[in-house]
PDB file of N, CA and C in Angstrom:
ATOM      1  N   MET A   1     112.386  33.485 106.349  1.00  0.00           N
ATOM      2  CA  MET A   1     113.535  32.899 106.500  1.00  0.00           C
ATOM      3  C   MET A   1     113.400  31.558 106.809  1.00  0.00           C
ATOM      4  N   SER A   2     113.565  30.558 106.291  1.00  0.00           N
ATOM      5  CA  SER A   2     113.248  29.078 106.620  1.00  0.00           C
ATOM      6  C   SER A   2     113.895  28.624 107.686  1.00  0.00           C
ATOM      7  N   SER A   3     113.600  27.455 108.294  1.00  0.00           N
ATOM      8  CA  SER A   3     114.099  26.642 109.472  1.00  0.00           C
ATOM      9  C   SER A   3     115.520  25.963 108.900  1.00  0.00           C
ATOM     10  N   GLU A   4     115.410  25.782 107.690  1.00  0.00           N
ATOM     11  CA  GLU A   4     116.656  25.010 107.113  1.00  0.00           C
ATOM     12  C   GLU A   4     117.673  26.053 106.831  1.00  0.00           C
ATOM     13  N   ALA A   5     117.571  27.262 106.481  1.00  0.00           N
ATOM     14  CA  ALA A   5     118.526  28.150 106.649  1.00  0.00           C
ATOM     15  C   ALA A   5     119.183  28.646 108.018  1.00  0.00           C
ATOM     16  N   LEU A   6     118.113  28.586 109.085  1.00  0.00           N
ATOM     17  CA  LEU A   6     118.626  28.803 110.688  1.00  0.00           C
ATOM     18  C   LEU A   6     119.498  27.639 110.814  1.00  0.00           C
ATOM     19  N   ASN A   7     119.262  26.477 110.744  1.00  0.00           N
ATOM     20  CA  ASN A   7     120.202  25.533 110.878  1.00  0.00           C
ATOM     21  C   ASN A   7     121.455  25.417 110.265  1.00  0.00           C
ATOM     22  N   GLN A   8     122.035  26.207 109.151  1.00  0.00           N
ATOM     23  CA  GLN A   8     122.906  25.978 108.502  1.00  0.00           C
ATOM     24  C   GLN A   8     123.566  27.270 108.686  1.00  0.00           C
ATOM     25  N   SER A   9     125.141  26.773 108.647  1.00  0.00           N
ATOM     26  CA  SER A   9     125.940  28.281 108.703  1.00  0.00           C
ATOM     27  C   SER A   9     126.233  28.790 107.549  1.00  0.00           C
ATOM     28  N   PRO A  10     125.699  30.200 107.700  1.00  0.00           N
ATOM     29  CA  PRO A  10     126.212  31.051 106.480  1.00  0.00           C
ATOM     30  C   PRO A  10     127.729  30.967 106.110  1.00  0.00           C
ATOM     31  N   ALA A  11     128.073  31.261 104.692  1.00  0.00           N
ATOM     32  CA  ALA A  11     129.071  31.338 103.909  1.00  0.00           C
ATOM     33  C   ALA A  11     129.750  32.793 104.778  1.00  0.00           C
ATOM     34  N   PRO A  12     130.797  32.969 104.454  1.00  0.00           N
ATOM     35  CA  PRO A  12     131.565  34.464 105.309  1.00  0.00           C
ATOM     36  C   PRO A  12     131.098  35.493 104.358  1.00  0.00           C
ATOM     37  N   ASN A  13     130.791  35.141 103.059  1.00  0.00           N
ATOM     38  CA  ASN A  13     130.476  36.198 102.084  1.00  0.00           C
ATOM     39  C   ASN A  13     129.278  36.519 102.247  1.00  0.00           C
ATOM     40  N   GLN A  14     128.212  35.987 102.638  1.00  0.00           N
ATOM     41  CA  GLN A  14     126.774  35.571 103.017  1.00  0.00           C
ATOM     42  C   GLN A  14     126.216  36.674 104.007  1.00  0.00           C
ATOM     43  N   LEU A  15     127.155  36.786 105.423  1.00  0.00           N
ATOM     44  CA  LEU A  15     126.781  37.193 106.328  1.00  0.00           C
ATOM     45  C   LEU A  15     126.376  38.478 106.421  1.00  0.00           C
ATOM     46  N   PRO A  16     127.235  39.713 105.708  1.00  0.00           N
ATOM     47  CA  PRO A  16     126.527  41.132 105.475  1.00  0.00           C
ATOM     48  C   PRO A  16     125.179  41.195 105.107  1.00  0.00           C
ATOM     49  N   ALA A  17     124.914  40.578 103.913  1.00  0.00           N
ATOM     50  CA  ALA A  17     123.472  40.563 103.098  1.00  0.00           C
ATOM     51  C   ALA A  17     122.530  39.897 104.028  1.00  0.00           C
ATOM     52  N   LEU A  18     122.901  38.852 104.988  1.00  0.00           N
ATOM     53  CA  LEU A  18     122.055  38.225 105.720  1.00  0.00           C
ATOM     54  C   LEU A  18     121.875  39.299 107.106  1.00  0.00           C
ATOM     55  N   ILE A  19     122.619  39.794 107.319  1.00  0.00           N
ATOM     56  CA  ILE A  19     122.732  40.937 108.810  1.00  0.00           C
ATOM     57  C   ILE A  19     121.766  41.854 108.130  1.00  0.00           C
ATOM     58  N   ASN A  20     121.796  42.412 107.161  1.00  0.00           N
ATOM     59  CA  ASN A  20     121.013  43.333 106.433  1.00  0.00           C
ATOM     60  C   ASN A  20     119.687  42.969 106.311  1.00  0.00           C
ATOM     61  N   GLN A  21     119.316  41.506 105.966  1.00  0.00           N
ATOM     62  CA  GLN A  21     118.012  41.244 105.822  1.00  0.00           C
ATOM     63  C   GLN A  21     117.411  41.413 107.260  1.00  0.00           C
ATOM     64  N   LEU A  22     118.024  40.562 108.277  1.00  0.00           N
ATOM     65  CA  LEU A  22     117.201  40.611 109.427  1.00  0.00           C
ATOM     66  C   LEU A  22     117.303  41.857 110.019  1.00  0.00           C
ATOM     67  N   ARG A  23     117.987  42.878 109.784  1.00  0.00           N
ATOM     68  CA  ARG A  23     117.902  44.247 110.251  1.00  0.00           C
ATOM     69  C   ARG A  23     116.533  45.094 109.888  1.00  0.00           C
ATOM     70  N   GLU A  24     116.369  44.640 108.675  1.00  0.00           N
ATOM     71  CA  GLU A  24     115.231  45.306 108.000  1.00  0.00           C
ATOM     72  C   GLU A  24     114.202  44.476 108.387  1.00  0.00           C
ATOM     73  N   LEU A  25     113.956  43.097 108.595  1.00  0.00           N
ATOM     74  CA  LEU A  25     112.813  42.384 109.199  1.00  0.00           C
ATOM     75  C   LEU A  25     112.522  42.867 110.689  1.00  0.00           C
ATOM     76  N   ILE A  26     113.540  43.201 111.382  1.00  0.00           N
ATOM     77  CA  ILE A  26     113.448  43.308 112.770  1.00  0.00           C
ATOM     78  C   ILE A  26     112.874  44.634 112.933  1.00  0.00           C
ATOM     79  N   GLN A  27     113.479  45.637 112.084  1.00  0.00           N
ATOM     80  CA  GLN A  27     113.116  47.247 112.208  1.00  0.00           C
ATOM     81  C   GLN A  27     111.714  47.142 111.954  1.00  0.00           C
ATOM     82  N   SER A  28     111.034  46.549 111.056  1.00  0.00           N
ATOM     83  CA  SER A  28     109.821  46.775 110.526  1.00  0.00           C
ATOM     84  C   SER A  28     108.756  45.783 111.442  1.00  0.00           C
ATOM     85  N   ALA A  29     109.164  45.215 112.338  1.00  0.00           N
ATOM     86  CA  ALA A  29     108.268  44.623 113.245  1.00  0.00           C
ATOM     87  C   ALA A  29     108.367  45.304 114.489  1.00  0.00           C
ATOM     88  N   TRP A  30     107.080  45.510 115.225  1.00  0.00           N
ATOM     89  CA  TRP A  30     106.954  45.732 116.356  1.00  0.00           C
ATOM     90  C   TRP A  30     107.450  44.942 117.473  1.00  0.00           C
ATOM     91  N   GLY A  31     108.092  45.306 118.472  1.00  0.00           N
ATOM     92  CA  GLY A  31     108.404  44.407 119.698  1.00  0.00           C
ATOM     93  C   GLY A  31     109.905  43.845 119.594  1.00  0.00           C
ATOM     94  N   PHE A  32     110.673  43.903 118.566  1.00  0.00           N
ATOM     95  CA  PHE A  32     111.790  42.914 118.413  1.00  0.00           C
ATOM     96  C   PHE A  32     113.075  44.126 118.690  1.00  0.00           C
ATOM     97  N   ASP A  33     112.919  44.690 119.958  1.00  0.00           N
ATOM     98  CA  ASP A  33     114.059  45.647 120.312  1.00  0.00           C
ATOM     99  C   ASP A  33     115.162  44.723 121.081  1.00  0.00           C
ATOM    100  N   LYS A  34     116.377  45.130 121.400  1.00  0.00           N
ATOM    101  CA  LYS A  34     117.512  44.272 121.972  1.00  0.00           C
ATOM    102  C   LYS A  34     116.901  43.508 122.941  1.00  0.00           C
ATOM    103  N   ARG A  35     116.142  44.430 123.753  1.00  0.00           N
ATOM    104  CA  ARG A  35     115.748  43.780 125.210  1.00  0.00           C
ATOM    105  C   ARG A  35     114.705  42.516 125.256  1.00  0.00           C
ATOM    106  N   ASN A  36     113.612  42.798 124.219  1.00  0.00           N
ATOM    107  CA  ASN A  36     112.765  41.600 123.879  1.00  0.00           C
ATOM    108  C   ASN A  36     113.469  40.535 123.145  1.00  0.00           C
ATOM    109  N   LEU A  37     114.426  40.956 122.398  1.00  0.00           N
ATOM    110  CA  LEU A  37     115.043  39.637 121.633  1.00  0.00           C
ATOM    111  C   LEU A  37     115.839  38.905 122.914  1.00  0.00           C
ATOM    112  N   ARG A  38     116.506  39.399 123.737  1.00  0.00           N
ATOM    113  CA  ARG A  38     117.277  39.036 124.929  1.00  0.00           C
ATOM    114  C   ARG A  38     116.123  38.191 125.717  1.00  0.00           C
ATOM    115  N   HIS A  39     115.069  38.735 125.997  1.00  0.00           N
ATOM    116  CA  HIS A  39     114.007  37.525 126.549  1.00  0.00           C
ATOM    117  C   HIS A  39     113.810  36.407 125.794  1.00  0.00           C
ATOM    118  N   MET A  40     113.586  37.021 124.408  1.00  0.00           N
ATOM    119  CA  MET A  40     112.906  35.710 123.417  1.00  0.00           C
ATOM    120  C   MET A  40     114.074  34.777 123.391  1.00  0.00           C
ATOM    121  N   ARG A  41     115.501  34.942 123.427  1.00  0.00           N
ATOM    122  CA  ARG A  41     116.782  34.305 123.310  1.00  0.00           C
ATOM    123  C   ARG A  41     116.874  33.289 124.880  1.00  0.00           C
ATOM    124  N   ASN A  42     116.671  33.957 125.968  1.00  0.00           N
ATOM    125  CA  ASN A  42     116.648  33.411 127.266  1.00  0.00           C
ATOM    126  C   ASN A  42     115.306  32.715 127.325  1.00  0.00           C
ATOM    127  N   PHE A  43     114.331  32.545 126.770  1.00  0.00           N
ATOM    128  CA  PHE A  43     113.222  31.775 126.861  1.00  0.00           C
ATOM    129  C   PHE A  43     113.325  30.675 125.856  1.00  0.00           C
ATOM    130  N   TYR A  44     113.934  30.733 124.763  1.00  0.00           N
ATOM    131  CA  TYR A  44     114.301  29.698 123.985  1.00  0.00           C
ATOM    132  C   TYR A  44     115.144  28.539 124.703  1.00  0.00           C
ATOM    133  N   GLN A  45     116.304  29.151 125.506  1.00  0.00           N
ATOM    134  CA  GLN A  45     117.549  28.384 125.994  1.00  0.00           C
ATOM    135  C   GLN A  45     116.692  27.749 127.412  1.00  0.00           C
ATOM    136  N   CYS A  46     115.715  28.264 128.022  1.00  0.00           N
ATOM    137  CA  CYS A  46     115.021  27.590 129.042  1.00  0.00           C
ATOM    138  C   CYS A  46     114.145  26.728 128.796  1.00  0.00           C
ATOM    139  N   PHE A  47     113.133  26.533 127.399  1.00  0.00           N
ATOM    140  CA  PHE A  47     112.220  26.027 127.156  1.00  0.00           C
ATOM    141  C   PHE A  47     112.528  25.548 125.546  1.00  0.00           C
ATOM    142  N   ALA A  48     113.839  25.230 125.421  1.00  0.00           N
ATOM    143  CA  ALA A  48     113.987  24.519 123.945  1.00  0.00           C
ATOM    144  C   ALA A  48     112.980  23.391 123.410  1.00  0.00           C
ATOM    145  N   ILE A  49     112.566  22.940 124.597  1.00  0.00           N
ATOM    146  CA  ILE A  49     111.734  21.675 123.997  1.00  0.00           C
ATOM    147  C   ILE A  49     110.221  22.224 124.045  1.00  0.00           C
ATOM    148  N   TRP A  50     109.584  22.475 122.861  1.00  0.00           N
ATOM    149  CA  TRP A  50     108.353  23.324 122.904  1.00  0.00           C
ATOM    150  C   TRP A  50     107.124  22.629 123.848  1.00  0.00           C
ATOM    151  N   ASN A  51     107.397  21.281 123.641  1.00  0.00           N
ATOM    152  CA  ASN A  51     106.012  20.745 124.411  1.00  0.00           C
ATOM    153  C   ASN A  51     106.231  20.689 125.871  1.00  0.00           C
ATOM    154  N   THR A  52     107.262  21.425 126.499  1.00  0.00           N
ATOM    155  CA  THR A  52     107.478  21.556 128.005  1.00  0.00           C
ATOM    156  C   THR A  52     106.548  22.852 128.402  1.00  0.00           C
ATOM    157  N   VAL A  53     106.310  23.549 127.007  1.00  0.00           N
ATOM    158  CA  VAL A  53     105.733  24.772 127.573  1.00  0.00           C
ATOM    159  C   VAL A  53     104.279  24.728 127.986  1.00  0.00           C
ATOM    160  N   ARG A  54     103.647  25.266 128.857  1.00  0.00           N
ATOM    161  CA  ARG A  54     102.300  25.128 129.642  1.00  0.00           C
ATOM    162  C   ARG A  54     101.285  26.121 128.712  1.00  0.00           C
ATOM    163  N   SER A  55     100.476  25.749 127.889  1.00  0.00           N
ATOM    164  CA  SER A  55      99.654  26.926 127.201  1.00  0.00           C
ATOM    165  C   SER A  55      98.894  27.546 127.883  1.00  0.00           C
ATOM    166  N   GLU A  56      98.427  27.072 129.193  1.00  0.00           N
ATOM    167  CA  GLU A  56      97.877  27.832 130.318  1.00  0.00           C
ATOM    168  C   GLU A  56      98.396  29.199 130.613  1.00  0.00           C
ATOM    169  N   LEU A  57      99.536  29.493 130.312  1.00  0.00           N
ATOM    170  CA  LEU A  57     100.373  30.652 130.830  1.00  0.00           C
ATOM    171  C   LEU A  57     100.678  31.592 129.726  1.00  0.00           C
ATOM    172  N   SER A  58     100.635  32.722 129.864  1.00  0.00           N
ATOM    173  CA  SER A  58     101.154  33.945 129.128  1.00  0.00           C
ATOM    174  C   SER A  58     102.584  33.893 129.044  1.00  0.00           C
ATOM    175  N   TRP A  59     103.044  35.136 128.150  1.00  0.00           N
ATOM    176  CA  TRP A  59     104.392  35.678 127.828  1.00  0.00           C
ATOM    177  C   TRP A  59     104.880  35.858 129.406  1.00  0.00           C
ATOM    178  N   THR A  60     103.983  36.861 129.701  1.00  0.00           N
ATOM    179  CA  THR A  60     104.060  37.633 131.265  1.00  0.00           C
ATOM    180  C   THR A  60     104.404  36.615 132.390  1.00  0.00           C
ATOM    181  N   HIS A  61     103.808  35.360 132.302  1.00  0.00           N
ATOM    182  CA  HIS A  61     104.199  34.304 133.519  1.00  0.00           C
ATOM    183  C   HIS A  61     105.669  34.077 133.153  1.00  0.00           C
ATOM    184  N   TYR A  62     105.890  33.360 131.718  1.00  0.00           N
ATOM    185  CA  TYR A  62     107.125  32.941 131.137  1.00  0.00           C
ATOM    186  C   TYR A  62     108.505  33.843 131.392  1.00  0.00           C
ATOM    187  N   TRP A  63     107.879  35.101 131.506  1.00  0.00           N
ATOM    188  CA  TRP A  63     109.172  36.376 131.509  1.00  0.00           C
ATOM    189  C   TRP A  63     109.365  36.134 133.164  1.00  0.00           C
ATOM    190  N   ALA A  64     108.533  36.315 133.873  1.00  0.00           N
ATOM    191  CA  ALA A  64     109.002  36.063 135.377  1.00  0.00           C
ATOM    192  C   ALA A  64     109.690  34.837 135.502  1.00  0.00           C
ATOM    193  N   LEU A  65     109.309  33.871 134.870  1.00  0.00           N
ATOM    194  CA  LEU A  65     110.106  32.236 135.036  1.00  0.00           C
ATOM    195  C   LEU A  65     111.472  32.378 134.517  1.00  0.00           C
ATOM    196  N   LEU A  66     111.795  33.207 133.906  1.00  0.00           N
ATOM    197  CA  LEU A  66     112.856  33.348 133.303  1.00  0.00           C
ATOM    198  C   LEU A  66     113.912  33.706 134.100  1.00  0.00           C
ATOM    199  N   ARG A  67     113.366  34.589 135.330  1.00  0.00           N
ATOM    200  CA  ARG A  67     114.232  34.874 136.244  1.00  0.00           C
ATOM    201  C   ARG A  67     114.664  33.918 137.286  1.00  0.00           C
ATOM    202  N   VAL A  68     114.194  32.687 137.474  1.00  0.00           N
ATOM    203  CA  VAL A  68     114.277  31.724 138.133  1.00  0.00           C
ATOM    204  C   VAL A  68     115.419  30.811 137.725  1.00  0.00           C
ATOM    205  N   GLU A  69     116.730  30.887 138.210  1.00  0.00           N
ATOM    206  CA  GLU A  69     117.802  29.930 137.948  1.00  0.00           C
ATOM    207  C   GLU A  69     117.610  28.380 138.080  1.00  0.00           C
ATOM    208  N   SER A  70     117.171  28.388 138.902  1.00  0.00           N
ATOM    209  CA  SER A  70     117.248  26.589 138.847  1.00  0.00           C
ATOM    210  C   SER A  70     116.216  25.968 138.339  1.00  0.00           C
ATOM    211  N   GLU A  71     116.589  24.861 137.121  1.00  0.00           N
ATOM    212  CA  GLU A  71     115.478  24.335 136.226  1.00  0.00           C
ATOM    213  C   GLU A  71     114.445  23.644 137.054  1.00  0.00           C
ATOM    214  N   ALA A  72     114.764  23.359 138.246  1.00  0.00           N
ATOM    215  CA  ALA A  72     113.688  22.562 139.074  1.00  0.00           C
ATOM    216  C   ALA A  72     112.849  23.287 139.685  1.00  0.00           C
ATOM    217  N   ALA A  73     113.285  24.504 140.263  1.00  0.00           N
ATOM    218  CA  ALA A  73     112.465  25.570 140.745  1.00  0.00           C
ATOM    219  C   ALA A  73     111.667  26.131 139.561  1.00  0.00           C
ATOM    220  N   ARG A  74     112.151  26.441 138.456  1.00  0.00           N
ATOM    221  CA  ARG A  74     111.361  27.167 137.226  1.00  0.00           C
ATOM    222  C   ARG A  74     110.293  26.002 136.890  1.00  0.00           C
ATOM    223  N   GLN A  75     110.694  24.614 136.923  1.00  0.00           N
ATOM    224  CA  GLN A  75     109.617  23.781 136.374  1.00  0.00           C
ATOM    225  C   GLN A  75     108.403  23.769 137.571  1.00  0.00           C
ATOM    226  N   TRP A  76     108.815  24.030 138.828  1.00  0.00           N
ATOM    227  CA  TRP A  76     107.908  23.856 139.971  1.00  0.00           C
ATOM    228  C   TRP A  76     106.819  25.026 139.619  1.00  0.00           C
ATOM    229  N   HIS A  77     107.476  26.294 139.756  1.00  0.00           N
ATOM    230  CA  HIS A  77     106.988  27.410 139.528  1.00  0.00           C
ATOM    231  C   HIS A  77     105.712  27.238 138.458  1.00  0.00           C
ATOM    232  N   MET A  78     106.390  26.960 137.252  1.00  0.00           N
ATOM    233  CA  MET A  78     105.652  26.808 135.969  1.00  0.00           C
ATOM    234  C   MET A  78     104.156  25.976 136.126  1.00  0.00           C
ATOM    235  N   ASN A  79     104.575  24.790 136.402  1.00  0.00           N
ATOM    236  CA  ASN A  79     103.664  23.850 136.885  1.00  0.00           C
ATOM    237  C   ASN A  79     102.144  24.261 137.934  1.00  0.00           C
ATOM    238  N   GLU A  80     102.771  24.936 139.240  1.00  0.00           N
ATOM    239  CA  GLU A  80     102.291  25.585 139.917  1.00  0.00           C
ATOM    240  C   GLU A  80     101.251  26.594 139.609  1.00  0.00           C
ATOM    241  N   ALA A  81     101.833  27.723 138.585  1.00  0.00           N
ATOM    242  CA  ALA A  81     101.279  28.955 138.187  1.00  0.00           C
ATOM    243  C   ALA A  81     100.008  28.163 137.257  1.00  0.00           C
ATOM    244  N   ALA A  82     100.401  27.194 136.581  1.00  0.00           N
ATOM    245  CA  ALA A  82      99.251  26.737 135.467  1.00  0.00           C
ATOM    246  C   ALA A  82      97.999  26.035 136.335  1.00  0.00           C
ATOM    247  N   GLU A  83      98.374  25.338 137.338  1.00  0.00           N
ATOM    248  CA  GLU A  83      97.630  24.481 137.735  1.00  0.00           C
ATOM    249  C   GLU A  83      96.609  25.214 138.970  1.00  0.00           C
ATOM    250  N   GLN A  84      97.257  26.102 139.635  1.00  0.00           N
ATOM    251  CA  GLN A  84      96.427  26.938 140.675  1.00  0.00           C
ATOM    252  C   GLN A  84      96.084  28.245 139.825  1.00  0.00           C
ATOM    253  N   ASN A  85      95.988  28.516 138.763  1.00  0.00           N
ATOM    254  CA  ASN A  85      95.634  29.734 138.143  1.00  0.00           C
ATOM    255  C   ASN A  85      96.071  30.785 138.557  1.00  0.00           C
ATOM    256  N   TRP A  86      97.611  30.945 138.559  1.00  0.00           N
ATOM    257  CA  TRP A  86      98.255  32.004 139.146  1.00  0.00           C
ATOM    258  C   TRP A  86      98.253  33.258 138.429  1.00  0.00           C
ATOM    259  N   SER A  87      97.522  34.460 138.979  1.00  0.00           N
ATOM    260  CA  SER A  87      97.501  35.738 138.086  1.00  0.00           C
ATOM    261  C   SER A  87      99.169  36.179 137.476  1.00  0.00           C
ATOM    262  N   THR A  88      99.124  36.869 136.531  1.00  0.00           N
ATOM    263  CA  THR A  88     100.430  37.321 136.198  1.00  0.00           C
ATOM    264  C   THR A  88     101.025  38.632 137.171  1.00  0.00           C
ATOM    265  N   LYS A  89     100.197  38.934 138.051  1.00  0.00           N
ATOM    266  CA  LYS A  89     100.421  39.930 138.988  1.00  0.00           C
ATOM    267  C   LYS A  89     100.701  39.293 140.280  1.00  0.00           C
ATOM    268  N   TYR A  90     101.107  37.709 140.644  1.00  0.00           N
ATOM    269  CA  TYR A  90     101.437  37.022 141.350  1.00  0.00           C
ATOM    270  C   TYR A  90     102.959  37.308 141.079  1.00  0.00           C
ATOM    271  N   LYS A  91     103.608  37.607 142.150  1.00  0.00           N
ATOM    272  CA  LYS A  91     105.088  37.909 142.345  1.00  0.00           C
ATOM    273  C   LYS A  91     105.942  36.758 142.892  1.00  0.00           C
ATOM    274  N   LEU A  92     106.791  36.272 141.927  1.00  0.00           N
ATOM    275  CA  LEU A  92     107.679  35.100 142.699  1.00  0.00           C
ATOM    276  C   LEU A  92     108.597  35.312 143.598  1.00  0.00           C
ATOM    277  N   VAL A  93     108.509  35.087 144.613  1.00  0.00           N
ATOM    278  CA  VAL A  93     109.335  35.242 145.931  1.00  0.00           C
ATOM    279  C   VAL A  93     110.284  33.958 145.773  1.00  0.00           C
ATOM    280  N   LEU A  94     111.205  33.946 145.357  1.00  0.00           N
ATOM    281  CA  LEU A  94     112.245  33.037 145.566  1.00  0.00           C
ATOM    282  C   LEU A  94     113.273  33.060 146.595  1.00  0.00           C
ATOM    283  N   PRO A  95     113.392  31.762 147.384  1.00  0.00           N
ATOM    284  CA  PRO A  95     114.336  32.009 148.130  1.00  0.00           C
ATOM    285  C   PRO A  95     115.518  31.841 147.966  1.00  0.00           C
ATOM    286  N   THR A  96     116.388  32.195 148.593  1.00  0.00           N
ATOM    287  CA  THR A  96     117.836  32.032 148.149  1.00  0.00           C
ATOM    288  C   THR A  96     118.574  30.637 148.191  1.00  0.00           C
ATOM    289  N   GLU A  97     119.716  30.336 147.972  1.00  0.00           N
ATOM    290  CA  GLU A  97     120.308  29.082 147.938  1.00  0.00           C
ATOM    291  C   GLU A  97     120.519  28.727 149.271  1.00  0.00           C
ATOM    292  N   GLU A  98     120.854  29.426 150.120  1.00  0.00           N
ATOM    293  CA  GLU A  98     121.106  29.046 151.645  1.00  0.00           C
ATOM    294  C   GLU A  98     119.707  28.975 152.587  1.00  0.00           C
ATOM    295  N   GLU A  99     118.651  29.609 151.633  1.00  0.00           N
ATOM    296  CA  GLU A  99     117.455  29.212 152.599  1.00  0.00           C
ATOM    297  C   GLU A  99     116.805  28.001 151.946  1.00  0.00           C
ATOM    298  N   LEU A 100     117.173  27.831 150.731  1.00  0.00           N
ATOM    299  CA  LEU A 100     116.584  26.301 150.416  1.00  0.00           C
ATOM    300  C   LEU A 100     117.244  25.246 151.176  1.00  0.00           C
ATOM    301  N   ARG A 101     118.876  25.520 151.187  1.00  0.00           N
ATOM    302  CA  ARG A 101     119.854  24.497 151.768  1.00  0.00           C
ATOM    303  C   ARG A 101     119.109  24.245 153.324  1.00  0.00           C
ATOM    304  N   ALA A 102     119.032  25.506 154.111  1.00  0.00           N
ATOM    305  CA  ALA A 102     118.375  25.235 155.686  1.00  0.00           C
ATOM    306  C   ALA A 102     117.201  24.372 155.579  1.00  0.00           C
ATOM    307  N   GLU A 103     116.172  24.817 154.599  1.00  0.00           N
ATOM    308  CA  GLU A 103     114.917  24.171 154.725  1.00  0.00           C
ATOM    309  C   GLU A 103     115.315  22.894 154.575  1.00  0.00           C
ATOM    310  N   LEU A 104     116.132  22.428 153.866  1.00  0.00           N
ATOM    311  CA  LEU A 104     116.348  20.902 153.391  1.00  0.00           C
ATOM    312  C   LEU A 104     117.144  20.364 154.831  1.00  0.00           C
ATOM    313  N   GLU A 105     117.886  21.003 155.010  1.00  0.00           N
ATOM    314  CA  GLU A 105     118.523  20.451 156.411  1.00  0.00           C
ATOM    315  C   GLU A 105     117.501  20.215 157.403  1.00  0.00           C
ATOM    316  N   GLN A 106     116.584  21.132 157.607  1.00  0.00           N
ATOM    317  CA  GLN A 106     115.459  21.167 158.703  1.00  0.00           C
ATOM    318  C   GLN A 106     114.807  19.841 158.397  1.00  0.00           C
ATOM    319  N   GLU A 107     114.146  19.872 156.984  1.00  0.00           N
ATOM    320  CA  GLU A 107     113.302  18.679 156.635  1.00  0.00           C
ATOM    321  C   GLU A 107     113.921  17.347 157.005  1.00  0.00           C
ATOM    322  N   GLN A 108     115.056  17.147 156.505  1.00  0.00           N
ATOM    323  CA  GLN A 108     116.283  15.932 156.642  1.00  0.00           C
ATOM    324  C   GLN A 108     116.232  15.764 158.621  1.00  0.00           C
ATOM    325  N   TRP A 109     116.541  16.894 159.021  1.00  0.00           N
ATOM    326  CA  TRP A 109     116.445  16.629 160.580  1.00  0.00           C
ATOM    327  C   TRP A 109     115.333  15.761 161.215  1.00  0.00           C
ATOM    328  N   GLN A 110     113.997  16.534 160.752  1.00  0.00           N
ATOM    329  CA  GLN A 110     112.637  16.450 161.148  1.00  0.00           C
ATOM    330  C   GLN A 110     112.409  14.920 161.064  1.00  0.00           C
ATOM    331  N   ILE A 111     112.580  14.417 159.634  1.00  0.00           N
ATOM    332  CA  ILE A 111     112.710  12.978 159.238  1.00  0.00           C
ATOM    333  C   ILE A 111     113.531  11.795 160.031  1.00  0.00           C
ATOM    334  N   ALA A 112     114.640  12.552 160.497  1.00  0.00           N
ATOM    335  CA  ALA A 112     115.287  11.638 161.103  1.00  0.00           C
ATOM    336  C   ALA A 112     114.888  11.491 162.689  1.00  0.00           C
ATOM    337  N   GLN A 113     114.342  12.639 163.271  1.00  0.00           N
ATOM    338  CA  GLN A 113     113.839  12.721 164.558  1.00  0.00           C
ATOM    339  C   GLN A 113     112.688  11.733 164.750  1.00  0.00           C
ATOM    340  N   ASN A 114     111.782  11.850 163.616  1.00  0.00           N
ATOM    341  CA  ASN A 114     110.600  11.124 163.570  1.00  0.00           C
ATOM    342  C   ASN A 114     110.851   9.602 163.210  1.00  0.00           C
ATOM    343  N   GLU A 115     112.127   9.328 162.550  1.00  0.00           N
ATOM    344  CA  GLU A 115     112.061   7.826 162.527  1.00  0.00           C
ATOM    345  C   GLU A 115     112.963   7.267 163.584  1.00  0.00           C
ATOM    346  N   SER A 116     113.763   8.057 164.601  1.00  0.00           N
ATOM    347  CA  SER A 116     114.335   7.635 166.067  1.00  0.00           C
ATOM    348  C   SER A 116     113.167   7.566 166.746  1.00  0.00           C
ATOM    349  N   ARG A 117     112.129   8.337 166.723  1.00  0.00           N
ATOM    350  CA  ARG A 117     111.137   8.267 167.878  1.00  0.00           C
ATOM    351  C   ARG A 117     110.270   6.946 167.233  1.00  0.00           C
ATOM    352  N   GLY A 118     110.046   6.560 166.179  1.00  0.00           N
ATOM    353  CA  GLY A 118     109.458   5.433 165.932  1.00  0.00           C
ATOM    354  C   GLY A 118     110.569   4.186 166.089  1.00  0.00           C
ATOM    355  N   ARG A 119     111.384   4.122 166.124  1.00  0.00           N
ATOM    356  CA  ARG A 119     112.302   3.035 166.520  1.00  0.00           C
ATOM    357  C   ARG A 119     112.322   2.922 168.347  1.00  0.00           C
ATOM    358  N   ASP A 120     112.320   4.293 168.617  1.00  0.00           N
ATOM    359  CA  ASP A 120     112.109   4.225 170.584  1.00  0.00           C
ATOM    360  C   ASP A 120     110.868   3.293 170.852  1.00  0.00           C
ATOM    361  N   VAL A 121     109.535   3.675 170.193  1.00  0.00           N
ATOM    362  CA  VAL A 121     108.360   2.922 170.415  1.00  0.00           C
ATOM    363  C   VAL A 121     108.066   1.548 170.255  1.00  0.00           C
ATOM    364  N   LEU A 122     108.987   1.039 169.167  1.00  0.00           N
ATOM    365  CA  LEU A 122     108.870  -0.654 168.925  1.00  0.00           C
ATOM    366  C   LEU A 122     110.121  -0.933 170.103  1.00  0.00           C
TER     367      LEU A 122
END
């Protein structure tokens, strides 16, 4: 199937034939079950721009990254995994939104404290 065909909407009378073609292609190919297709779709949605993908990482790395909801957190984990050579056995332990918010508030409080101490010294 060409990329042009994928970008065009088929006519309603072409849909049954197209569905049958896809069904035959998918059934004859190993690894194209519903679950894997869902992962592939999620991968495309998260990494639609192909040059944002790190070649150092495997599909297993990306499968784990798909569970990261925040794009910024996903990008950070992707870069760290590539730069630090994280094994695929490394488990992403992701903080909750509340934990991230609390950590940010703590950092902001520490910055404010350091700034006020600096003013006291001067």
